[in-house]
Amino acid sequence: MNSEIFGLPQWLFMAVAAQRLIELLIANRNTARLLKEGGIEVGRNHYFLIVLLHATWLVALFLLVPPDQALNFWLFGVFVVLQGARVWVIASLGPYWTTRIITLPETPLIARGPYRWMRHPNYVIVALEIAILPLALGDWVLAVVFSIANAILMFIRIPTENKALESRRSR
């Protein structure tokens, strides 16, 4: 592609998109196995909105950030650290990690990794990612717009997940 159209920001977004696709493969494999084992999916009605938000965020960044936009290396460093935290979350949940809300009624909740200190570390990480990456590329408008959209979805998602997991908290 022409270097005037395709620059470092676009490569970064493609790398993040590739990472997310790999994660979706892992999540889909785990989801299928959990459902086979008797898992119950909750919140299916809003799941497509979450997928749409993340896909739109990446496409907007790809198309709207100029290819010659300078990268703030400090903020990008924060984004890289967040990727490590993301891997920590996925590794901590292991075969129970999925992008959907799937609960196995008789299984105790995971209490290792970041789950020792908080209930929803992945949602915190995602909220920070959604803001930090556009800010690292100087686009505060995309950071604000998608952060607000994500917050609105989390007002639906987190209570739905908490309710689904409530019976398992005492185990």
N, C-alpha and C. Protein backbone atom coordinates (compact mmCIF):
# COMPACT_ATOMS: atom_id res chain seq x y z
N MET A 1 0.84 -1.19 0.00
CA MET A 1 0.00 0.00 0.00
C MET A 1 0.87 1.24 0.00
N ASN A 2 0.29 2.33 -0.40
CA ASN A 2 0.96 3.62 -0.42
C ASN A 2 1.28 4.04 1.00
N SER A 3 2.52 4.50 1.23
CA SER A 3 2.93 4.86 2.59
C SER A 3 2.18 6.09 3.09
N GLU A 4 1.57 6.88 2.20
CA GLU A 4 0.77 8.02 2.62
C GLU A 4 -0.58 7.59 3.20
N ILE A 5 -1.01 6.40 2.88
CA ILE A 5 -2.29 5.88 3.35
C ILE A 5 -2.08 4.90 4.51
N PHE A 6 -0.95 4.24 4.52
CA PHE A 6 -0.69 3.14 5.44
C PHE A 6 0.58 3.43 6.23
N GLY A 7 0.43 3.76 7.51
CA GLY A 7 1.58 4.09 8.32
C GLY A 7 1.62 3.28 9.61
N LEU A 8 2.46 3.71 10.54
CA LEU A 8 2.62 3.02 11.82
C LEU A 8 1.29 2.82 12.55
N PRO A 9 0.41 3.83 12.60
CA PRO A 9 -0.87 3.59 13.29
C PRO A 9 -1.65 2.42 12.70
N GLN A 10 -1.67 2.32 11.39
CA GLN A 10 -2.43 1.25 10.75
C GLN A 10 -1.80 -0.12 11.06
N TRP A 11 -0.47 -0.18 11.09
CA TRP A 11 0.19 -1.43 11.47
C TRP A 11 -0.14 -1.81 12.91
N LEU A 12 -0.17 -0.82 13.79
CA LEU A 12 -0.52 -1.09 15.19
C LEU A 12 -1.94 -1.65 15.30
N PHE A 13 -2.87 -1.04 14.57
CA PHE A 13 -4.25 -1.49 14.63
C PHE A 13 -4.39 -2.89 14.07
N MET A 14 -3.64 -3.19 13.02
CA MET A 14 -3.70 -4.54 12.45
C MET A 14 -3.13 -5.55 13.45
N ALA A 15 -2.08 -5.18 14.16
CA ALA A 15 -1.51 -6.07 15.17
C ALA A 15 -2.52 -6.31 16.29
N VAL A 16 -3.20 -5.26 16.75
CA VAL A 16 -4.22 -5.41 17.79
C VAL A 16 -5.37 -6.27 17.28
N ALA A 17 -5.78 -6.04 16.04
CA ALA A 17 -6.86 -6.84 15.46
C ALA A 17 -6.45 -8.31 15.38
N ALA A 18 -5.22 -8.59 14.99
CA ALA A 18 -4.74 -9.97 14.92
C ALA A 18 -4.74 -10.60 16.32
N GLN A 19 -4.31 -9.84 17.31
CA GLN A 19 -4.32 -10.32 18.70
C GLN A 19 -5.75 -10.67 19.11
N ARG A 20 -6.69 -9.78 18.81
CA ARG A 20 -8.08 -10.00 19.19
C ARG A 20 -8.67 -11.22 18.47
N LEU A 21 -8.29 -11.43 17.22
CA LEU A 21 -8.79 -12.61 16.49
C LEU A 21 -8.26 -13.90 17.11
N ILE A 22 -7.00 -13.90 17.51
CA ILE A 22 -6.44 -15.07 18.19
C ILE A 22 -7.19 -15.31 19.50
N GLU A 23 -7.45 -14.24 20.24
CA GLU A 23 -8.19 -14.36 21.49
C GLU A 23 -9.61 -14.90 21.24
N LEU A 24 -10.24 -14.46 20.16
CA LEU A 24 -11.58 -14.97 19.84
C LEU A 24 -11.56 -16.46 19.53
N LEU A 25 -10.51 -16.92 18.88
CA LEU A 25 -10.38 -18.36 18.61
C LEU A 25 -10.30 -19.13 19.92
N ILE A 26 -9.49 -18.63 20.85
CA ILE A 26 -9.36 -19.27 22.17
C ILE A 26 -10.70 -19.21 22.91
N ALA A 27 -11.31 -18.05 22.90
CA ALA A 27 -12.59 -17.86 23.60
C ALA A 27 -13.67 -18.76 23.02
N ASN A 28 -13.74 -18.85 21.71
CA ASN A 28 -14.76 -19.69 21.07
C ASN A 28 -14.54 -21.17 21.39
N ARG A 29 -13.29 -21.59 21.42
CA ARG A 29 -12.98 -22.98 21.79
C ARG A 29 -13.42 -23.24 23.24
N ASN A 30 -13.07 -22.31 24.14
CA ASN A 30 -13.46 -22.47 25.54
C ASN A 30 -14.97 -22.43 25.71
N THR A 31 -15.63 -21.53 24.98
CA THR A 31 -17.09 -21.42 25.07
C THR A 31 -17.75 -22.73 24.66
N ALA A 32 -17.33 -23.29 23.54
CA ALA A 32 -17.92 -24.55 23.06
C ALA A 32 -17.74 -25.65 24.09
N ARG A 33 -16.55 -25.75 24.67
CA ARG A 33 -16.29 -26.79 25.67
C ARG A 33 -17.12 -26.57 26.92
N LEU A 34 -17.19 -25.32 27.40
CA LEU A 34 -17.98 -25.01 28.60
C LEU A 34 -19.45 -25.33 28.40
N LEU A 35 -19.98 -25.00 27.23
CA LEU A 35 -21.39 -25.30 26.95
C LEU A 35 -21.63 -26.81 26.91
N LYS A 36 -20.67 -27.56 26.35
CA LYS A 36 -20.78 -29.03 26.33
C LYS A 36 -20.78 -29.61 27.74
N GLU A 37 -20.05 -28.93 28.64
CA GLU A 37 -19.94 -29.41 30.02
C GLU A 37 -21.11 -28.95 30.89
N GLY A 38 -22.09 -28.29 30.26
CA GLY A 38 -23.27 -27.86 31.01
C GLY A 38 -23.27 -26.38 31.37
N GLY A 39 -22.35 -25.64 30.80
CA GLY A 39 -22.32 -24.20 31.04
C GLY A 39 -23.57 -23.52 30.54
N ILE A 40 -23.89 -22.41 31.18
CA ILE A 40 -25.08 -21.63 30.82
C ILE A 40 -24.61 -20.27 30.34
N GLU A 41 -25.08 -19.88 29.16
CA GLU A 41 -24.73 -18.56 28.64
C GLU A 41 -25.77 -17.54 29.11
N VAL A 42 -25.27 -16.42 29.57
CA VAL A 42 -26.10 -15.31 30.04
C VAL A 42 -25.66 -14.06 29.28
N GLY A 43 -26.59 -13.16 29.01
CA GLY A 43 -26.24 -11.89 28.37
C GLY A 43 -26.02 -11.98 26.88
N ARG A 44 -26.56 -12.99 26.27
CA ARG A 44 -26.39 -13.17 24.82
C ARG A 44 -26.94 -11.97 24.05
N ASN A 45 -28.00 -11.34 24.56
CA ASN A 45 -28.64 -10.23 23.85
C ASN A 45 -27.74 -9.03 23.66
N HIS A 46 -26.81 -8.79 24.57
CA HIS A 46 -25.95 -7.62 24.43
C HIS A 46 -24.56 -7.97 23.88
N TYR A 47 -24.26 -9.24 23.71
CA TYR A 47 -22.92 -9.63 23.26
C TYR A 47 -22.56 -9.03 21.91
N PHE A 48 -23.50 -9.03 20.99
CA PHE A 48 -23.19 -8.49 19.66
C PHE A 48 -22.82 -7.00 19.74
N LEU A 49 -23.37 -6.28 20.71
CA LEU A 49 -23.02 -4.86 20.88
C LEU A 49 -21.57 -4.70 21.32
N ILE A 50 -21.10 -5.61 22.14
CA ILE A 50 -19.71 -5.57 22.58
C ILE A 50 -18.78 -5.86 21.40
N VAL A 51 -19.12 -6.88 20.62
CA VAL A 51 -18.32 -7.20 19.43
C VAL A 51 -18.33 -6.01 18.47
N LEU A 52 -19.49 -5.42 18.26
CA LEU A 52 -19.62 -4.27 17.37
C LEU A 52 -18.78 -3.10 17.87
N LEU A 53 -18.81 -2.83 19.16
CA LEU A 53 -18.01 -1.75 19.73
C LEU A 53 -16.53 -1.95 19.45
N HIS A 54 -16.04 -3.14 19.72
CA HIS A 54 -14.60 -3.40 19.55
C HIS A 54 -14.19 -3.36 18.07
N ALA A 55 -15.02 -3.92 17.21
CA ALA A 55 -14.71 -3.90 15.78
C ALA A 55 -14.75 -2.47 15.25
N THR A 56 -15.74 -1.70 15.66
CA THR A 56 -15.86 -0.31 15.22
C THR A 56 -14.70 0.52 15.73
N TRP A 57 -14.27 0.28 16.97
CA TRP A 57 -13.13 0.98 17.55
C TRP A 57 -11.89 0.76 16.69
N LEU A 58 -11.62 -0.49 16.34
CA LEU A 58 -10.43 -0.78 15.52
C LEU A 58 -10.54 -0.17 14.13
N VAL A 59 -11.70 -0.30 13.50
CA VAL A 59 -11.89 0.25 12.15
C VAL A 59 -11.76 1.78 12.19
N ALA A 60 -12.36 2.41 13.21
CA ALA A 60 -12.28 3.87 13.33
C ALA A 60 -10.83 4.32 13.50
N LEU A 61 -10.09 3.62 14.34
CA LEU A 61 -8.68 3.96 14.52
C LEU A 61 -7.91 3.78 13.22
N PHE A 62 -8.16 2.67 12.54
CA PHE A 62 -7.47 2.39 11.29
C PHE A 62 -7.73 3.48 10.25
N LEU A 63 -8.99 3.89 10.14
CA LEU A 63 -9.38 4.83 9.08
C LEU A 63 -9.18 6.30 9.45
N LEU A 64 -9.31 6.64 10.72
CA LEU A 64 -9.35 8.05 11.10
C LEU A 64 -8.03 8.61 11.63
N VAL A 65 -7.15 7.76 12.09
CA VAL A 65 -5.85 8.26 12.55
C VAL A 65 -4.94 8.38 11.34
N PRO A 66 -4.39 9.56 11.12
CA PRO A 66 -3.51 9.75 9.95
C PRO A 66 -2.30 8.82 9.99
N PRO A 67 -1.90 8.30 8.84
CA PRO A 67 -0.78 7.36 8.80
C PRO A 67 0.54 7.94 9.29
N ASP A 68 0.67 9.26 9.23
CA ASP A 68 1.92 9.88 9.66
C ASP A 68 1.83 10.42 11.09
N GLN A 69 0.78 10.03 11.80
CA GLN A 69 0.59 10.51 13.18
C GLN A 69 1.73 10.02 14.07
N ALA A 70 2.28 10.92 14.85
CA ALA A 70 3.35 10.57 15.78
C ALA A 70 2.80 9.72 16.91
N LEU A 71 3.62 8.84 17.42
CA LEU A 71 3.25 7.96 18.51
C LEU A 71 3.81 8.49 19.82
N ASN A 72 2.95 8.62 20.82
CA ASN A 72 3.41 8.98 22.16
C ASN A 72 3.91 7.68 22.80
N PHE A 73 5.23 7.55 22.93
CA PHE A 73 5.81 6.29 23.38
C PHE A 73 5.50 5.98 24.84
N TRP A 74 5.28 6.99 25.67
CA TRP A 74 4.92 6.75 27.06
C TRP A 74 3.54 6.10 27.14
N LEU A 75 2.58 6.67 26.42
CA LEU A 75 1.24 6.09 26.42
C LEU A 75 1.22 4.73 25.73
N PHE A 76 1.99 4.60 24.68
CA PHE A 76 2.07 3.30 24.02
C PHE A 76 2.69 2.27 24.96
N GLY A 77 3.65 2.69 25.76
CA GLY A 77 4.23 1.80 26.77
C GLY A 77 3.18 1.31 27.76
N VAL A 78 2.26 2.22 28.15
CA VAL A 78 1.16 1.83 29.03
C VAL A 78 0.29 0.79 28.33
N PHE A 79 0.02 1.01 27.04
CA PHE A 79 -0.79 0.06 26.27
C PHE A 79 -0.11 -1.31 26.23
N VAL A 80 1.20 -1.34 26.06
CA VAL A 80 1.94 -2.61 26.03
C VAL A 80 1.83 -3.32 27.39
N VAL A 81 1.95 -2.55 28.47
CA VAL A 81 1.79 -3.13 29.81
C VAL A 81 0.38 -3.71 29.97
N LEU A 82 -0.60 -3.01 29.44
CA LEU A 82 -1.97 -3.52 29.50
C LEU A 82 -2.11 -4.84 28.76
N GLN A 83 -1.34 -5.03 27.69
CA GLN A 83 -1.39 -6.30 26.97
C GLN A 83 -0.86 -7.43 27.84
N GLY A 84 0.17 -7.13 28.62
CA GLY A 84 0.68 -8.11 29.58
C GLY A 84 -0.38 -8.46 30.62
N ALA A 85 -1.09 -7.43 31.10
CA ALA A 85 -2.17 -7.66 32.07
C ALA A 85 -3.28 -8.48 31.44
N ARG A 86 -3.55 -8.23 30.18
CA ARG A 86 -4.58 -8.99 29.45
C ARG A 86 -4.21 -10.47 29.39
N VAL A 87 -2.96 -10.75 29.08
CA VAL A 87 -2.49 -12.14 29.03
C VAL A 87 -2.59 -12.76 30.42
N TRP A 88 -2.29 -11.99 31.46
CA TRP A 88 -2.38 -12.48 32.84
C TRP A 88 -3.82 -12.90 33.16
N VAL A 89 -4.79 -12.08 32.74
CA VAL A 89 -6.21 -12.40 32.95
C VAL A 89 -6.56 -13.70 32.24
N ILE A 90 -6.20 -13.80 30.98
CA ILE A 90 -6.53 -14.99 30.19
C ILE A 90 -5.88 -16.23 30.79
N ALA A 91 -4.61 -16.11 31.18
CA ALA A 91 -3.91 -17.25 31.78
C ALA A 91 -4.52 -17.62 33.13
N SER A 92 -4.95 -16.64 33.89
CA SER A 92 -5.54 -16.90 35.21
C SER A 92 -6.85 -17.67 35.09
N LEU A 93 -7.66 -17.32 34.11
CA LEU A 93 -8.92 -18.02 33.91
C LEU A 93 -8.74 -19.34 33.16
N GLY A 94 -7.66 -19.43 32.39
CA GLY A 94 -7.36 -20.67 31.67
C GLY A 94 -8.53 -21.14 30.83
N PRO A 95 -8.99 -22.39 31.03
CA PRO A 95 -10.05 -22.94 30.19
C PRO A 95 -11.42 -22.30 30.43
N TYR A 96 -11.51 -21.43 31.43
CA TYR A 96 -12.78 -20.75 31.72
C TYR A 96 -12.86 -19.37 31.07
N TRP A 97 -11.76 -18.93 30.44
CA TRP A 97 -11.77 -17.60 29.83
C TRP A 97 -12.55 -17.63 28.52
N THR A 98 -13.45 -16.69 28.40
CA THR A 98 -14.24 -16.55 27.18
C THR A 98 -14.71 -15.10 27.08
N THR A 99 -15.09 -14.68 25.90
CA THR A 99 -15.59 -13.32 25.72
C THR A 99 -17.07 -13.22 26.04
N ARG A 100 -17.69 -14.33 26.28
CA ARG A 100 -19.11 -14.38 26.63
C ARG A 100 -19.24 -14.61 28.13
N ILE A 101 -20.45 -14.53 28.61
CA ILE A 101 -20.70 -14.86 30.02
C ILE A 101 -21.22 -16.29 30.03
N ILE A 102 -20.33 -17.21 30.40
CA ILE A 102 -20.68 -18.63 30.49
C ILE A 102 -20.40 -19.04 31.93
N THR A 103 -21.37 -19.60 32.58
CA THR A 103 -21.17 -20.03 33.96
C THR A 103 -21.47 -21.52 34.09
N LEU A 104 -20.60 -22.19 34.81
CA LEU A 104 -20.81 -23.60 35.18
C LEU A 104 -21.29 -23.59 36.62
N PRO A 105 -22.55 -23.87 36.85
CA PRO A 105 -23.16 -23.68 38.18
C PRO A 105 -22.43 -24.33 39.35
N GLU A 106 -21.83 -25.48 39.18
CA GLU A 106 -21.20 -26.18 40.31
C GLU A 106 -19.70 -25.93 40.42
N THR A 107 -19.17 -24.99 39.66
CA THR A 107 -17.74 -24.72 39.64
C THR A 107 -17.41 -23.49 40.46
N PRO A 108 -16.43 -23.59 41.37
CA PRO A 108 -16.05 -22.40 42.14
C PRO A 108 -15.43 -21.35 41.21
N LEU A 109 -15.54 -20.10 41.61
CA LEU A 109 -14.95 -19.02 40.82
C LEU A 109 -13.42 -19.03 40.95
N ILE A 110 -12.77 -18.56 39.93
CA ILE A 110 -11.31 -18.45 39.94
C ILE A 110 -10.93 -17.34 40.92
N ALA A 111 -9.94 -17.63 41.77
CA ALA A 111 -9.49 -16.64 42.76
C ALA A 111 -7.97 -16.49 42.70
N ARG A 112 -7.40 -16.63 41.51
CA ARG A 112 -5.95 -16.46 41.36
C ARG A 112 -5.68 -15.31 40.39
N GLY A 113 -4.42 -14.97 40.26
CA GLY A 113 -4.05 -13.86 39.38
C GLY A 113 -4.72 -12.59 39.84
N PRO A 114 -5.13 -11.74 38.92
CA PRO A 114 -5.76 -10.47 39.31
C PRO A 114 -7.13 -10.66 39.96
N TYR A 115 -7.69 -11.86 39.83
CA TYR A 115 -9.00 -12.14 40.44
C TYR A 115 -8.91 -12.26 41.96
N ARG A 116 -7.69 -12.29 42.50
CA ARG A 116 -7.53 -12.24 43.96
C ARG A 116 -7.95 -10.89 44.50
N TRP A 117 -7.83 -9.84 43.68
CA TRP A 117 -8.05 -8.47 44.15
C TRP A 117 -9.29 -7.80 43.60
N MET A 118 -9.77 -8.26 42.47
CA MET A 118 -10.95 -7.62 41.87
C MET A 118 -11.77 -8.62 41.08
N ARG A 119 -13.05 -8.30 40.93
CA ARG A 119 -13.97 -9.21 40.23
C ARG A 119 -13.82 -9.17 38.71
N HIS A 120 -13.58 -8.01 38.16
CA HIS A 120 -13.61 -7.87 36.70
C HIS A 120 -12.36 -7.16 36.17
N PRO A 121 -11.18 -7.74 36.37
CA PRO A 121 -9.97 -7.05 35.89
C PRO A 121 -9.94 -6.86 34.38
N ASN A 122 -10.51 -7.80 33.64
CA ASN A 122 -10.48 -7.66 32.19
C ASN A 122 -11.25 -6.43 31.72
N TYR A 123 -12.36 -6.11 32.38
CA TYR A 123 -13.14 -4.94 31.99
C TYR A 123 -12.38 -3.65 32.27
N VAL A 124 -11.61 -3.63 33.34
CA VAL A 124 -10.77 -2.47 33.64
C VAL A 124 -9.69 -2.32 32.57
N ILE A 125 -9.06 -3.44 32.23
CA ILE A 125 -8.01 -3.42 31.20
C ILE A 125 -8.57 -2.94 29.87
N VAL A 126 -9.70 -3.48 29.47
CA VAL A 126 -10.32 -3.10 28.19
C VAL A 126 -10.68 -1.61 28.19
N ALA A 127 -11.24 -1.13 29.28
CA ALA A 127 -11.59 0.30 29.36
C ALA A 127 -10.34 1.17 29.18
N LEU A 128 -9.26 0.76 29.81
CA LEU A 128 -8.01 1.53 29.67
C LEU A 128 -7.45 1.43 28.25
N GLU A 129 -7.50 0.25 27.65
CA GLU A 129 -7.03 0.08 26.28
C GLU A 129 -7.79 0.97 25.30
N ILE A 130 -9.11 0.98 25.46
CA ILE A 130 -9.96 1.76 24.55
C ILE A 130 -9.59 3.24 24.60
N ALA A 131 -9.19 3.72 25.76
CA ALA A 131 -8.79 5.12 25.88
C ALA A 131 -7.32 5.34 25.50
N ILE A 132 -6.45 4.47 25.95
CA ILE A 132 -5.00 4.70 25.82
C ILE A 132 -4.50 4.64 24.38
N LEU A 133 -4.94 3.65 23.61
CA LEU A 133 -4.40 3.52 22.25
C LEU A 133 -4.70 4.75 21.39
N PRO A 134 -5.94 5.24 21.35
CA PRO A 134 -6.15 6.46 20.56
C PRO A 134 -5.38 7.66 21.13
N LEU A 135 -5.28 7.74 22.46
CA LEU A 135 -4.53 8.84 23.06
C LEU A 135 -3.04 8.76 22.70
N ALA A 136 -2.51 7.55 22.61
CA ALA A 136 -1.11 7.36 22.22
C ALA A 136 -0.87 7.86 20.81
N LEU A 137 -1.94 7.95 20.03
CA LEU A 137 -1.85 8.45 18.65
C LEU A 137 -2.52 9.81 18.49
N GLY A 138 -2.73 10.49 19.60
CA GLY A 138 -3.19 11.88 19.55
C GLY A 138 -4.65 12.07 19.21
N ASP A 139 -5.46 11.05 19.30
CA ASP A 139 -6.88 11.20 18.94
C ASP A 139 -7.75 11.10 20.20
N TRP A 140 -7.90 12.22 20.87
CA TRP A 140 -8.66 12.24 22.11
C TRP A 140 -10.16 12.08 21.85
N VAL A 141 -10.63 12.48 20.67
CA VAL A 141 -12.06 12.34 20.35
C VAL A 141 -12.45 10.86 20.32
N LEU A 142 -11.66 10.04 19.61
CA LEU A 142 -11.97 8.61 19.57
C LEU A 142 -11.84 7.99 20.96
N ALA A 143 -10.87 8.44 21.74
CA ALA A 143 -10.71 7.93 23.10
C ALA A 143 -11.96 8.21 23.93
N VAL A 144 -12.48 9.42 23.83
CA VAL A 144 -13.66 9.80 24.62
C VAL A 144 -14.91 9.09 24.11
N VAL A 145 -15.14 9.12 22.82
CA VAL A 145 -16.37 8.54 22.25
C VAL A 145 -16.46 7.04 22.56
N PHE A 146 -15.36 6.32 22.32
CA PHE A 146 -15.42 4.87 22.55
C PHE A 146 -15.37 4.52 24.03
N SER A 147 -14.75 5.36 24.84
CA SER A 147 -14.77 5.13 26.30
C SER A 147 -16.19 5.28 26.84
N ILE A 148 -16.90 6.27 26.35
CA ILE A 148 -18.29 6.46 26.79
C ILE A 148 -19.16 5.29 26.33
N ALA A 149 -19.00 4.88 25.08
CA ALA A 149 -19.77 3.74 24.56
C ALA A 149 -19.47 2.48 25.36
N ASN A 150 -18.20 2.26 25.67
CA ASN A 150 -17.82 1.09 26.46
C ASN A 150 -18.43 1.16 27.86
N ALA A 151 -18.38 2.33 28.48
CA ALA A 151 -18.95 2.48 29.83
C ALA A 151 -20.44 2.16 29.83
N ILE A 152 -21.15 2.62 28.80
CA ILE A 152 -22.59 2.33 28.70
C ILE A 152 -22.82 0.81 28.63
N LEU A 153 -22.04 0.13 27.80
CA LEU A 153 -22.18 -1.33 27.69
C LEU A 153 -21.81 -2.04 28.99
N MET A 154 -20.81 -1.51 29.71
CA MET A 154 -20.42 -2.14 30.97
C MET A 154 -21.49 -1.98 32.05
N PHE A 155 -22.32 -0.94 31.93
CA PHE A 155 -23.44 -0.79 32.87
C PHE A 155 -24.49 -1.88 32.66
N ILE A 156 -24.46 -2.51 31.50
CA ILE A 156 -25.32 -3.65 31.22
C ILE A 156 -24.58 -4.96 31.54
N ARG A 157 -23.37 -5.05 31.05
CA ARG A 157 -22.59 -6.30 31.11
C ARG A 157 -22.23 -6.71 32.54
N ILE A 158 -21.67 -5.81 33.32
CA ILE A 158 -21.17 -6.18 34.65
C ILE A 158 -22.29 -6.64 35.58
N PRO A 159 -23.42 -5.92 35.69
CA PRO A 159 -24.50 -6.45 36.53
C PRO A 159 -25.03 -7.80 36.04
N THR A 160 -25.08 -7.99 34.74
CA THR A 160 -25.53 -9.26 34.18
C THR A 160 -24.58 -10.38 34.60
N GLU A 161 -23.30 -10.12 34.49
CA GLU A 161 -22.31 -11.13 34.88
C GLU A 161 -22.33 -11.36 36.39
N ASN A 162 -22.42 -10.30 37.17
CA ASN A 162 -22.47 -10.46 38.63
C ASN A 162 -23.65 -11.32 39.05
N LYS A 163 -24.80 -11.08 38.45
CA LYS A 163 -25.99 -11.86 38.78
C LYS A 163 -25.79 -13.33 38.41
N ALA A 164 -25.21 -13.58 37.26
CA ALA A 164 -24.97 -14.96 36.81
C ALA A 164 -23.99 -15.69 37.71
N LEU A 165 -23.05 -14.98 38.28
CA LEU A 165 -22.01 -15.61 39.09
C LEU A 165 -22.33 -15.63 40.60
N GLU A 166 -23.36 -14.91 41.00
CA GLU A 166 -23.65 -14.73 42.43
C GLU A 166 -23.74 -16.05 43.20
N SER A 167 -24.41 -17.03 42.65
CA SER A 167 -24.57 -18.29 43.37
C SER A 167 -23.26 -19.05 43.54
N ARG A 168 -22.26 -18.69 42.74
CA ARG A 168 -20.97 -19.37 42.80
C ARG A 168 -19.97 -18.65 43.70
N ARG A 169 -20.28 -17.47 44.17
CA ARG A 169 -19.33 -16.69 44.97
C ARG A 169 -19.01 -17.32 46.32
N SER A 170 -19.92 -18.08 46.87
CA SER A 170 -19.70 -18.66 48.20
C SER A 170 -18.90 -19.96 48.16
N ARG A 171 -18.66 -20.47 46.97
CA ARG A 171 -17.93 -21.75 46.85
C ARG A 171 -16.45 -21.54 46.94
